Amino acid sequence: MLRKLFCFLVVVGAIALAVLGLVLPQTALKPVIMITNFFDIMIPILAVGALINYIWKSNGCCCHHTEK
């Protein structure tokens, strides 16, 4: 239940930011642009970290076959 509420709040927040981005003048959007730039930089770094973690913890084939 808490997960659904969190997802709902994130979607509502994203829609609110999108509407504000269309309505407000460019000078009022500086905080939103700063947040966007922050995530533009952070997401690729986290993606590479997740890929390295996935490769590091993988144990080869995961089809659970036995060798004869």
PDB file of N, CA and C in Angstrom:
ATOM      1  N   MET A   1       0.821  -1.196   0.000  1.00  0.00           N
ATOM      2  CA  MET A   1       0.000   0.000   0.000  1.00  0.00           C
ATOM      3  C   MET A   1       0.867   1.263   0.000  1.00  0.00           C
ATOM      4  N   LEU A   2       1.924   1.228   0.797  1.00  0.00           N
ATOM      5  CA  LEU A   2       2.817   2.381   0.869  1.00  0.00           C
ATOM      6  C   LEU A   2       3.539   2.602  -0.452  1.00  0.00           C
ATOM      7  N   ARG A   3       3.864   1.506  -1.137  1.00  0.00           N
ATOM      8  CA  ARG A   3       4.535   1.615  -2.440  1.00  0.00           C
ATOM      9  C   ARG A   3       3.625   2.290  -3.466  1.00  0.00           C
ATOM     10  N   LYS A   4       2.340   1.936  -3.463  1.00  0.00           N
ATOM     11  CA  LYS A   4       1.396   2.554  -4.398  1.00  0.00           C
ATOM     12  C   LYS A   4       1.236   4.040  -4.102  1.00  0.00           C
ATOM     13  N   LEU A   5       1.197   4.389  -2.818  1.00  0.00           N
ATOM     14  CA  LEU A   5       1.087   5.791  -2.440  1.00  0.00           C
ATOM     15  C   LEU A   5       2.320   6.569  -2.883  1.00  0.00           C
ATOM     16  N   PHE A   6       3.490   5.990  -2.696  1.00  0.00           N
ATOM     17  CA  PHE A   6       4.733   6.639  -3.111  1.00  0.00           C
ATOM     18  C   PHE A   6       4.756   6.840  -4.623  1.00  0.00           C
ATOM     19  N   CYS A   7       4.378   5.816  -5.377  1.00  0.00           N
ATOM     20  CA  CYS A   7       4.339   5.936  -6.841  1.00  0.00           C
ATOM     21  C   CYS A   7       3.347   7.012  -7.276  1.00  0.00           C
ATOM     22  N   PHE A   8       2.204   7.047  -6.624  1.00  0.00           N
ATOM     23  CA  PHE A   8       1.203   8.066  -6.937  1.00  0.00           C
ATOM     24  C   PHE A   8       1.751   9.465  -6.683  1.00  0.00           C
ATOM     25  N   LEU A   9       2.427   9.656  -5.553  1.00  0.00           N
ATOM     26  CA  LEU A   9       2.993  10.967  -5.230  1.00  0.00           C
ATOM     27  C   LEU A   9       4.083  11.377  -6.215  1.00  0.00           C
ATOM     28  N   VAL A  10       4.885  10.428  -6.655  1.00  0.00           N
ATOM     29  CA  VAL A  10       5.931  10.735  -7.631  1.00  0.00           C
ATOM     30  C   VAL A  10       5.312  11.149  -8.960  1.00  0.00           C
ATOM     31  N   VAL A  11       4.289  10.445  -9.400  1.00  0.00           N
ATOM     32  CA  VAL A  11       3.624  10.784 -10.664  1.00  0.00           C
ATOM     33  C   VAL A  11       2.958  12.157 -10.570  1.00  0.00           C
ATOM     34  N   VAL A  12       2.284  12.429  -9.462  1.00  0.00           N
ATOM     35  CA  VAL A  12       1.640  13.735  -9.286  1.00  0.00           C
ATOM     36  C   VAL A  12       2.692  14.842  -9.257  1.00  0.00           C
ATOM     37  N   GLY A  13       3.810  14.598  -8.584  1.00  0.00           N
ATOM     38  CA  GLY A  13       4.889  15.585  -8.554  1.00  0.00           C
ATOM     39  C   GLY A  13       5.470  15.834  -9.929  1.00  0.00           C
ATOM     40  N   ALA A  14       5.651  14.784 -10.708  1.00  0.00           N
ATOM     41  CA  ALA A  14       6.185  14.933 -12.064  1.00  0.00           C
ATOM     42  C   ALA A  14       5.222  15.715 -12.951  1.00  0.00           C
ATOM     43  N   ILE A  15       3.946  15.434 -12.829  1.00  0.00           N
ATOM     44  CA  ILE A  15       2.954  16.170 -13.618  1.00  0.00           C
ATOM     45  C   ILE A  15       2.921  17.636 -13.197  1.00  0.00           C
ATOM     46  N   ALA A  16       3.005  17.891 -11.895  1.00  0.00           N
ATOM     47  CA  ALA A  16       3.005  19.275 -11.407  1.00  0.00           C
ATOM     48  C   ALA A  16       4.223  20.033 -11.926  1.00  0.00           C
ATOM     49  N   LEU A  17       5.401  19.401 -11.911  1.00  0.00           N
ATOM     50  CA  LEU A  17       6.601  20.056 -12.439  1.00  0.00           C
ATOM     51  C   LEU A  17       6.479  20.310 -13.938  1.00  0.00           C
ATOM     52  N   ALA A  18       5.873  19.378 -14.658  1.00  0.00           N
ATOM     53  CA  ALA A  18       5.692  19.569 -16.100  1.00  0.00           C
ATOM     54  C   ALA A  18       4.761  20.743 -16.381  1.00  0.00           C
ATOM     55  N   VAL A  19       3.686  20.844 -15.623  1.00  0.00           N
ATOM     56  CA  VAL A  19       2.755  21.958 -15.812  1.00  0.00           C
ATOM     57  C   VAL A  19       3.432  23.276 -15.454  1.00  0.00           C
ATOM     58  N   LEU A  20       4.173  23.295 -14.350  1.00  0.00           N
ATOM     59  CA  LEU A  20       4.891  24.516 -13.972  1.00  0.00           C
ATOM     60  C   LEU A  20       5.920  24.896 -15.024  1.00  0.00           C
ATOM     61  N   GLY A  21       6.543  23.907 -15.631  1.00  0.00           N
ATOM     62  CA  GLY A  21       7.507  24.185 -16.686  1.00  0.00           C
ATOM     63  C   GLY A  21       6.886  24.838 -17.902  1.00  0.00           C
ATOM     64  N   LEU A  22       5.630  24.544 -18.146  1.00  0.00           N
ATOM     65  CA  LEU A  22       4.940  25.161 -19.281  1.00  0.00           C
ATOM     66  C   LEU A  22       4.396  26.547 -18.948  1.00  0.00           C
ATOM     67  N   VAL A  23       4.000  26.747 -17.695  1.00  0.00           N
ATOM     68  CA  VAL A  23       3.304  27.970 -17.312  1.00  0.00           C
ATOM     69  C   VAL A  23       4.257  29.078 -16.858  1.00  0.00           C
ATOM     70  N   LEU A  24       5.248  28.733 -16.067  1.00  0.00           N
ATOM     71  CA  LEU A  24       6.122  29.751 -15.476  1.00  0.00           C
ATOM     72  C   LEU A  24       7.101  30.328 -16.490  1.00  0.00           C
ATOM     73  N   PRO A  25       7.534  31.572 -16.263  1.00  0.00           N
ATOM     74  CA  PRO A  25       8.567  32.148 -17.133  1.00  0.00           C
ATOM     75  C   PRO A  25       9.920  31.477 -16.889  1.00  0.00           C
ATOM     76  N   GLN A  26      10.832  31.677 -17.801  1.00  0.00           N
ATOM     77  CA  GLN A  26      12.131  30.997 -17.765  1.00  0.00           C
ATOM     78  C   GLN A  26      12.926  31.338 -16.508  1.00  0.00           C
ATOM     79  N   THR A  27      12.827  32.562 -16.015  1.00  0.00           N
ATOM     80  CA  THR A  27      13.604  32.948 -14.834  1.00  0.00           C
ATOM     81  C   THR A  27      13.119  32.244 -13.578  1.00  0.00           C
ATOM     82  N   ALA A  28      11.853  31.892 -13.524  1.00  0.00           N
ATOM     83  CA  ALA A  28      11.316  31.209 -12.347  1.00  0.00           C
ATOM     84  C   ALA A  28      11.651  29.726 -12.351  1.00  0.00           C
ATOM     85  N   LEU A  29      12.196  29.224 -13.447  1.00  0.00           N
ATOM     86  CA  LEU A  29      12.482  27.797 -13.561  1.00  0.00           C
ATOM     87  C   LEU A  29      13.912  27.433 -13.175  1.00  0.00           C
ATOM     88  N   LYS A  30      14.686  28.370 -12.646  1.00  0.00           N
ATOM     89  CA  LYS A  30      16.082  28.068 -12.315  1.00  0.00           C
ATOM     90  C   LYS A  30      16.222  26.881 -11.363  1.00  0.00           C
ATOM     91  N   PRO A  31      15.420  26.781 -10.273  1.00  0.00           N
ATOM     92  CA  PRO A  31      15.566  25.604  -9.395  1.00  0.00           C
ATOM     93  C   PRO A  31      15.241  24.290 -10.106  1.00  0.00           C
ATOM     94  N   VAL A  32      14.238  24.306 -10.968  1.00  0.00           N
ATOM     95  CA  VAL A  32      13.871  23.090 -11.699  1.00  0.00           C
ATOM     96  C   VAL A  32      14.979  22.704 -12.664  1.00  0.00           C
ATOM     97  N   ILE A  33      15.562  23.693 -13.331  1.00  0.00           N
ATOM     98  CA  ILE A  33      16.653  23.414 -14.267  1.00  0.00           C
ATOM     99  C   ILE A  33      17.864  22.874 -13.522  1.00  0.00           C
ATOM    100  N   MET A  34      18.124  23.392 -12.310  1.00  0.00           N
ATOM    101  CA  MET A  34      19.244  22.901 -11.516  1.00  0.00           C
ATOM    102  C   MET A  34      19.023  21.438 -11.121  1.00  0.00           C
ATOM    103  N   ILE A  35      17.790  21.099 -10.736  1.00  0.00           N
ATOM    104  CA  ILE A  35      17.478  19.708 -10.389  1.00  0.00           C
ATOM    105  C   ILE A  35      17.631  18.817 -11.616  1.00  0.00           C
ATOM    106  N   THR A  36      17.180  19.285 -12.767  1.00  0.00           N
ATOM    107  CA  THR A  36      17.298  18.512 -14.000  1.00  0.00           C
ATOM    108  C   THR A  36      18.756  18.262 -14.351  1.00  0.00           C
ATOM    109  N   ASN A  37      19.590  19.288 -14.237  1.00  0.00           N
ATOM    110  CA  ASN A  37      21.015  19.122 -14.514  1.00  0.00           C
ATOM    111  C   ASN A  37      21.654  18.144 -13.537  1.00  0.00           C
ATOM    112  N   PHE A  38      21.237  18.194 -12.282  1.00  0.00           N
ATOM    113  CA  PHE A  38      21.753  17.268 -11.274  1.00  0.00           C
ATOM    114  C   PHE A  38      21.468  15.826 -11.685  1.00  0.00           C
ATOM    115  N   PHE A  39      20.230  15.546 -12.086  1.00  0.00           N
ATOM    116  CA  PHE A  39      19.885  14.183 -12.479  1.00  0.00           C
ATOM    117  C   PHE A  39      20.512  13.794 -13.807  1.00  0.00           C
ATOM    118  N   ASP A  40      20.697  14.754 -14.713  1.00  0.00           N
ATOM    119  CA  ASP A  40      21.370  14.458 -15.983  1.00  0.00           C
ATOM    120  C   ASP A  40      22.798  13.988 -15.753  1.00  0.00           C
ATOM    121  N   ILE A  41      23.434  14.498 -14.729  1.00  0.00           N
ATOM    122  CA  ILE A  41      24.799  14.084 -14.407  1.00  0.00           C
ATOM    123  C   ILE A  41      24.802  12.802 -13.585  1.00  0.00           C
ATOM    124  N   MET A  42      23.871  12.670 -12.653  1.00  0.00           N
ATOM    125  CA  MET A  42      23.886  11.561 -11.708  1.00  0.00           C
ATOM    126  C   MET A  42      23.448  10.235 -12.332  1.00  0.00           C
ATOM    127  N   ILE A  43      22.460  10.237 -13.201  1.00  0.00           N
ATOM    128  CA  ILE A  43      21.889   8.989 -13.715  1.00  0.00           C
ATOM    129  C   ILE A  43      22.892   8.146 -14.497  1.00  0.00           C
ATOM    130  N   PRO A  44      23.696   8.686 -15.410  1.00  0.00           N
ATOM    131  CA  PRO A  44      24.679   7.828 -16.090  1.00  0.00           C
ATOM    132  C   PRO A  44      25.718   7.231 -15.140  1.00  0.00           C
ATOM    133  N   ILE A  45      26.111   7.990 -14.118  1.00  0.00           N
ATOM    134  CA  ILE A  45      27.077   7.470 -13.148  1.00  0.00           C
ATOM    135  C   ILE A  45      26.469   6.312 -12.372  1.00  0.00           C
ATOM    136  N   LEU A  46      25.226   6.459 -11.946  1.00  0.00           N
ATOM    137  CA  LEU A  46      24.559   5.368 -11.236  1.00  0.00           C
ATOM    138  C   LEU A  46      24.337   4.165 -12.147  1.00  0.00           C
ATOM    139  N   ALA A  47      24.062   4.407 -13.417  1.00  0.00           N
ATOM    140  CA  ALA A  47      23.862   3.304 -14.362  1.00  0.00           C
ATOM    141  C   ALA A  47      25.142   2.504 -14.545  1.00  0.00           C
ATOM    142  N   VAL A  48      26.266   3.187 -14.664  1.00  0.00           N
ATOM    143  CA  VAL A  48      27.544   2.478 -14.796  1.00  0.00           C
ATOM    144  C   VAL A  48      27.846   1.706 -13.520  1.00  0.00           C
ATOM    145  N   GLY A  49      27.577   2.305 -12.371  1.00  0.00           N
ATOM    146  CA  GLY A  49      27.778   1.604 -11.104  1.00  0.00           C
ATOM    147  C   GLY A  49      26.907   0.364 -10.989  1.00  0.00           C
ATOM    148  N   ALA A  50      25.659   0.462 -11.421  1.00  0.00           N
ATOM    149  CA  ALA A  50      24.766  -0.695 -11.389  1.00  0.00           C
ATOM    150  C   ALA A  50      25.236  -1.781 -12.347  1.00  0.00           C
ATOM    151  N   LEU A  51      25.737  -1.388 -13.516  1.00  0.00           N
ATOM    152  CA  LEU A  51      26.258  -2.360 -14.476  1.00  0.00           C
ATOM    153  C   LEU A  51      27.481  -3.074 -13.915  1.00  0.00           C
ATOM    154  N   ILE A  52      28.387  -2.325 -13.317  1.00  0.00           N
ATOM    155  CA  ILE A  52      29.577  -2.940 -12.715  1.00  0.00           C
ATOM    156  C   ILE A  52      29.168  -3.876 -11.584  1.00  0.00           C
ATOM    157  N   ASN A  53      28.210  -3.471 -10.759  1.00  0.00           N
ATOM    158  CA  ASN A  53      27.724  -4.324  -9.675  1.00  0.00           C
ATOM    159  C   ASN A  53      27.101  -5.597 -10.230  1.00  0.00           C
ATOM    160  N   TYR A  54      26.330  -5.491 -11.303  1.00  0.00           N
ATOM    161  CA  TYR A  54      25.700  -6.653 -11.918  1.00  0.00           C
ATOM    162  C   TYR A  54      26.746  -7.620 -12.462  1.00  0.00           C
ATOM    163  N   ILE A  55      27.746  -7.073 -13.150  1.00  0.00           N
ATOM    164  CA  ILE A  55      28.796  -7.925 -13.713  1.00  0.00           C
ATOM    165  C   ILE A  55      29.620  -8.559 -12.604  1.00  0.00           C
ATOM    166  N   TRP A  56      29.926  -7.801 -11.568  1.00  0.00           N
ATOM    167  CA  TRP A  56      30.756  -8.289 -10.464  1.00  0.00           C
ATOM    168  C   TRP A  56      30.075  -9.446  -9.731  1.00  0.00           C
ATOM    169  N   LYS A  57      28.756  -9.357  -9.541  1.00  0.00           N
ATOM    170  CA  LYS A  57      28.033 -10.364  -8.763  1.00  0.00           C
ATOM    171  C   LYS A  57      27.458 -11.492  -9.602  1.00  0.00           C
ATOM    172  N   SER A  58      27.562 -11.406 -10.927  1.00  0.00           N
ATOM    173  CA  SER A  58      27.011 -12.477 -11.749  1.00  0.00           C
ATOM    174  C   SER A  58      27.903 -13.706 -11.649  1.00  0.00           C
ATOM    175  N   ASN A  59      27.287 -14.855 -11.691  1.00  0.00           N
ATOM    176  CA  ASN A  59      28.010 -16.120 -11.585  1.00  0.00           C
ATOM    177  C   ASN A  59      27.963 -16.885 -12.893  1.00  0.00           C
ATOM    178  N   GLY A  60      28.067 -16.187 -13.986  1.00  0.00           N
ATOM    179  CA  GLY A  60      28.019 -16.840 -15.287  1.00  0.00           C
ATOM    180  C   GLY A  60      26.597 -17.144 -15.692  1.00  0.00           C
ATOM    181  N   CYS A  61      26.410 -18.302 -16.254  1.00  0.00           N
ATOM    182  CA  CYS A  61      25.106 -18.714 -16.760  1.00  0.00           C
ATOM    183  C   CYS A  61      24.135 -18.925 -15.602  1.00  0.00           C
ATOM    184  N   CYS A  62      22.913 -18.465 -15.762  1.00  0.00           N
ATOM    185  CA  CYS A  62      21.924 -18.620 -14.693  1.00  0.00           C
ATOM    186  C   CYS A  62      20.794 -19.560 -15.113  1.00  0.00           C
ATOM    187  N   CYS A  63      21.083 -20.487 -16.030  1.00  0.00           N
ATOM    188  CA  CYS A  63      20.034 -21.399 -16.476  1.00  0.00           C
ATOM    189  C   CYS A  63      20.002 -22.678 -15.641  1.00  0.00           C
ATOM    190  N   HIS A  64      20.901 -22.835 -14.678  1.00  0.00           N
ATOM    191  CA  HIS A  64      20.916 -23.931 -13.709  1.00  0.00           C
ATOM    192  C   HIS A  64      21.009 -25.313 -14.365  1.00  0.00           C
ATOM    193  N   HIS A  65      21.796 -25.441 -15.403  1.00  0.00           N
ATOM    194  CA  HIS A  65      21.981 -26.751 -16.011  1.00  0.00           C
ATOM    195  C   HIS A  65      23.177 -27.434 -15.345  1.00  0.00           C
ATOM    196  N   THR A  66      23.200 -28.744 -15.418  1.00  0.00           N
ATOM    197  CA  THR A  66      24.320 -29.503 -14.844  1.00  0.00           C
ATOM    198  C   THR A  66      25.152 -30.068 -15.972  1.00  0.00           C
ATOM    199  N   GLU A  67      26.450 -30.037 -15.788  1.00  0.00           N
ATOM    200  CA  GLU A  67      27.337 -30.574 -16.815  1.00  0.00           C
ATOM    201  C   GLU A  67      27.466 -32.075 -16.634  1.00  0.00           C
ATOM    202  N   LYS A  68      27.533 -32.808 -17.756  1.00  0.00           N
ATOM    203  CA  LYS A  68      27.630 -34.270 -17.702  1.00  0.00           C
ATOM    204  C   LYS A  68      29.015 -34.716 -18.001  1.00  0.00           C
TER     205      LYS A  68
END
